[in-house]
Amino acid sequence: MAFISVVPGLSLPSASIVDAIYPIGVIYESDDSTPPNVVFGRGTWERILGVMLVGVNESDPDFSAAGKTGGEKAHVLTQQEMPVHNHSANVTSSHTHTAGTLQAASAGSHNHMAPLTGGASVNVSSGGVMVYTFYSSGASASTSEAGAHTHSIGGATGSSSGGGSVSIANAGEGRAHNNMPPFRTTYMWRRTG
C-alpha cells in the first residue's frame, strides 16, 4: 500500500486511496476539530454547522433527496397549530329585580257583575259585619263601585350571575419553544473538491 506524509512522522494512505475512501460529496465526522484536508492532505472540505443529518427517504417530500434543508431550532405556534381549547368566564356582579302593577289607565270607578245560582250570598261590609242576602236562581249581582286603585306584587330580589358583558384576559407570552430532538455534537465536513 502506498502512503503519503503530511505531518512529519505521520504516514497516511496515498491520494488515490483517500479519494476512493472520501470521494466528493462524502461527509466526514469527528470529535477532533482538525479539518480533513489537514488530516488527509487532500481535498476541499466545507464545514457543516449546527444542523442534524437526516437520511434520505424518497417517499417523503421533505427528505426525498440529498442536500435538502429545513426545520427550526425554536418555533412559535401559529393559531392553526394551537390545540383546540376553550375559556370559561363568570359574571360576578349582583343586582336585584322589583316588580309592581301600574294604576289602571281608566282610573275611574267600576263594578263587577256575577251570576247567581240561588241561595244566600255573604257580603262583608267595610266595618267587618257580615250581611246575608238571598237571591233567586238566574239573578245577578254586582259589587259596589270602587275608585281608582293599584295592586302591588312582591318582586324577587337577590343575586344573579347573568347579564352584562364579559372580558377574558389574554394568557401566555407567545415565545418560541424548543423544537429539537436529543442530540450529540460533533465536527462535520462535506467534501466539495
Protein backbone atom coordinates (compact mmCIF):
# COMPACT_ATOMS: atom_id res chain seq x y z
CA MET A 1 0.00 0.00 0.00
CA ALA A 2 1.31 3.48 -0.86
CA PHE A 3 1.38 6.21 1.81
CA ILE A 4 1.89 9.96 1.83
CA SER A 5 3.42 12.07 4.60
CA VAL A 6 1.64 15.28 5.52
CA VAL A 7 2.81 15.68 9.08
CA PRO A 8 6.42 14.71 9.90
CA GLY A 9 6.43 11.26 11.47
CA LEU A 10 2.85 10.51 10.35
CA SER A 11 2.21 8.29 7.31
CA LEU A 12 -1.17 8.42 5.56
CA PRO A 13 -2.69 6.50 2.63
CA SER A 14 -1.83 7.76 -0.84
CA ALA A 15 -4.02 10.34 -2.61
CA SER A 16 -5.77 7.71 -4.71
CA ILE A 17 -6.75 5.75 -1.63
CA VAL A 18 -8.00 8.94 0.12
CA ASP A 19 -10.05 9.78 -2.99
CA ALA A 20 -11.51 6.28 -3.05
CA ILE A 21 -12.48 6.33 0.62
CA TYR A 22 -13.54 10.01 0.76
CA PRO A 23 -14.87 11.00 -2.68
CA ILE A 24 -16.50 14.36 -3.41
CA GLY A 25 -19.85 14.57 -1.59
CA VAL A 26 -18.83 12.40 1.36
CA ILE A 27 -19.41 13.70 4.88
CA TYR A 28 -16.66 13.32 7.44
CA GLU A 29 -17.42 13.42 11.16
CA SER A 30 -15.01 13.58 14.08
CA ASP A 31 -14.72 14.79 17.66
CA ASP A 32 -11.33 16.22 16.61
CA SER A 33 -11.55 19.75 15.21
CA THR A 34 -8.66 19.22 12.75
CA PRO A 35 -10.05 19.75 9.20
CA PRO A 36 -9.99 16.69 6.88
CA ASN A 37 -7.70 18.40 4.33
CA VAL A 38 -5.08 18.63 7.07
CA VAL A 39 -5.70 15.07 8.25
CA PHE A 40 -5.60 13.56 4.73
CA GLY A 41 -3.54 16.22 2.94
CA ARG A 42 -6.08 16.28 0.16
CA GLY A 43 -9.43 17.72 -0.93
CA THR A 44 -11.57 20.79 -0.35
CA TRP A 45 -13.97 20.49 2.57
CA GLU A 46 -16.79 22.72 3.78
CA ARG A 47 -17.76 22.77 7.42
CA ILE A 48 -21.34 21.79 8.33
CA LEU A 49 -22.55 24.00 11.19
CA GLY A 50 -25.42 23.50 13.63
CA VAL A 51 -27.65 21.08 11.71
CA MET A 52 -28.54 17.42 12.23
CA LEU A 53 -28.33 14.90 9.43
CA VAL A 54 -31.45 13.03 8.27
CA GLY A 55 -31.44 10.01 5.99
CA VAL A 56 -32.93 10.40 2.51
CA ASN A 57 -36.46 9.00 2.18
CA GLU A 58 -37.72 9.15 -1.41
CA SER A 59 -41.34 8.62 -0.32
CA ASP A 60 -41.32 11.73 1.90
CA PRO A 61 -41.20 15.09 0.04
CA ASP A 62 -39.33 16.74 2.93
CA PHE A 63 -36.50 14.16 2.79
CA SER A 64 -36.68 12.97 -0.84
CA ALA A 65 -33.14 13.94 -1.96
CA ALA A 66 -29.69 14.64 -0.53
CA GLY A 67 -28.88 18.26 0.31
CA LYS A 68 -32.40 19.38 1.31
CA THR A 69 -32.65 21.61 4.37
CA GLY A 70 -35.44 22.57 6.73
CA GLY A 71 -36.62 22.59 10.30
CA GLU A 72 -36.35 25.14 13.10
CA LYS A 73 -34.30 25.20 16.30
CA ALA A 74 -37.17 27.02 18.02
CA HIS A 75 -40.74 27.54 16.86
CA VAL A 76 -43.62 29.89 17.73
CA LEU A 77 -47.02 28.23 17.32
CA THR A 78 -49.42 29.74 14.84
CA GLN A 79 -53.16 29.93 15.58
CA GLN A 80 -53.78 26.90 13.36
CA GLU A 81 -51.19 24.86 15.32
CA MET A 82 -52.64 25.61 18.76
CA PRO A 83 -54.64 22.81 20.41
CA VAL A 84 -58.42 23.20 20.36
CA HIS A 85 -59.40 24.69 23.71
CA ASN A 86 -61.96 26.95 25.38
CA HIS A 87 -62.12 29.64 28.03
CA SER A 88 -64.69 29.95 30.81
CA ALA A 89 -65.81 33.17 32.46
CA ASN A 90 -68.16 34.18 35.28
CA VAL A 91 -70.05 37.41 35.77
CA THR A 92 -69.93 38.17 39.49
CA SER A 93 -71.82 41.47 39.74
CA SER A 94 -75.04 41.24 41.82
CA HIS A 95 -78.29 43.02 41.07
CA THR A 96 -81.95 42.96 42.16
CA HIS A 97 -85.28 42.97 40.40
CA THR A 98 -88.55 44.57 41.67
CA ALA A 99 -91.99 44.45 40.13
CA GLY A 100 -95.37 46.10 40.62
CA THR A 101 -98.57 46.81 38.71
CA LEU A 102 -99.34 50.27 37.47
CA GLN A 103 -102.52 52.19 38.15
CA ALA A 104 -105.25 51.40 35.64
CA ALA A 105 -105.30 53.73 32.69
CA SER A 106 -109.05 54.48 33.05
CA ALA A 107 -108.53 55.12 36.76
CA GLY A 108 -112.30 55.51 37.17
CA SER A 109 -114.85 53.80 39.37
CA HIS A 110 -116.19 50.47 38.15
CA ASN A 111 -118.10 47.38 39.27
CA HIS A 112 -118.14 43.66 38.51
CA MET A 113 -121.20 41.57 37.66
CA ALA A 114 -121.56 37.97 38.87
CA PRO A 115 -124.33 35.44 38.03
CA LEU A 116 -126.16 33.84 40.98
CA THR A 117 -127.42 30.26 41.20
CA GLY A 118 -129.87 30.90 44.01
CA GLY A 119 -129.36 30.85 47.71
CA ALA A 120 -127.57 33.08 50.08
CA SER A 121 -124.52 35.15 49.49
CA VAL A 122 -122.33 36.85 52.01
CA ASN A 123 -121.41 40.50 51.84
CA VAL A 124 -118.75 41.84 54.11
CA SER A 125 -119.25 45.47 54.88
CA SER A 126 -116.38 47.84 55.37
CA GLY A 127 -116.99 47.63 59.08
CA GLY A 128 -116.45 43.88 59.10
CA VAL A 129 -120.14 42.98 59.65
CA MET A 130 -121.40 40.01 57.65
CA VAL A 131 -124.67 40.51 55.81
CA TYR A 132 -126.58 37.60 54.24
CA THR A 133 -128.62 38.30 51.12
CA PHE A 134 -130.86 35.76 49.37
CA TYR A 135 -131.15 35.70 45.58
CA SER A 136 -133.26 33.61 43.27
CA SER A 137 -131.69 31.44 40.61
CA GLY A 138 -130.82 33.28 37.40
CA ALA A 139 -130.38 36.61 39.11
CA SER A 140 -127.16 38.54 39.01
CA ALA A 141 -125.41 40.75 41.46
CA SER A 142 -122.75 43.36 41.22
CA THR A 143 -120.08 44.57 43.53
CA SER A 144 -120.18 48.10 44.72
CA GLU A 145 -118.30 50.70 42.81
CA ALA A 146 -114.74 51.46 43.70
CA GLY A 147 -112.46 54.32 42.80
CA ALA A 148 -109.12 54.23 41.09
CA HIS A 149 -106.67 51.89 42.79
CA THR A 150 -103.45 49.94 42.29
CA HIS A 151 -102.17 46.48 43.12
CA SER A 152 -98.62 45.69 44.19
CA ILE A 153 -96.80 42.41 43.96
CA GLY A 154 -93.61 41.33 45.63
CA GLY A 155 -90.70 41.19 43.23
CA ALA A 156 -87.91 38.64 43.52
CA THR A 157 -84.71 40.09 44.87
CA GLY A 158 -81.24 38.62 45.23
CA SER A 159 -78.02 37.96 43.39
CA SER A 160 -77.69 36.90 39.81
CA SER A 161 -74.71 35.81 37.70
CA GLY A 162 -76.27 36.60 34.34
CA GLY A 163 -76.27 39.57 32.04
CA GLY A 164 -73.72 42.24 31.34
CA SER A 165 -70.57 41.98 29.24
CA VAL A 166 -67.62 39.68 29.86
CA SER A 167 -63.96 40.37 29.18
CA ILE A 168 -61.45 37.49 29.16
CA ALA A 169 -57.83 38.46 29.67
CA ASN A 170 -55.07 37.16 27.42
CA ALA A 171 -52.77 34.40 28.68
CA GLY A 172 -49.33 33.29 27.56
CA GLU A 173 -46.38 35.19 26.10
CA GLY A 174 -46.08 33.80 22.56
CA ARG A 175 -42.44 32.80 22.96
CA ALA A 176 -40.73 30.23 20.75
CA HIS A 177 -40.36 26.77 22.25
CA ASN A 178 -37.50 24.30 21.89
CA ASN A 179 -38.06 22.18 18.81
CA MET A 180 -35.06 19.79 18.83
CA PRO A 181 -34.76 16.05 19.46
CA PRO A 182 -32.00 14.74 21.74
CA PHE A 183 -28.61 15.35 20.11
CA ARG A 184 -24.85 14.91 20.38
CA THR A 185 -22.49 17.45 18.83
CA THR A 186 -19.51 16.56 16.64
CA TYR A 187 -17.41 18.24 13.92
CA MET A 188 -18.69 17.65 10.40
CA TRP A 189 -17.35 18.46 6.96
CA ARG A 190 -18.55 17.71 3.42
CA ARG A 191 -16.01 17.23 0.67
CA THR A 192 -16.66 19.61 -2.23
CA GLY A 193 -13.46 19.22 -4.26
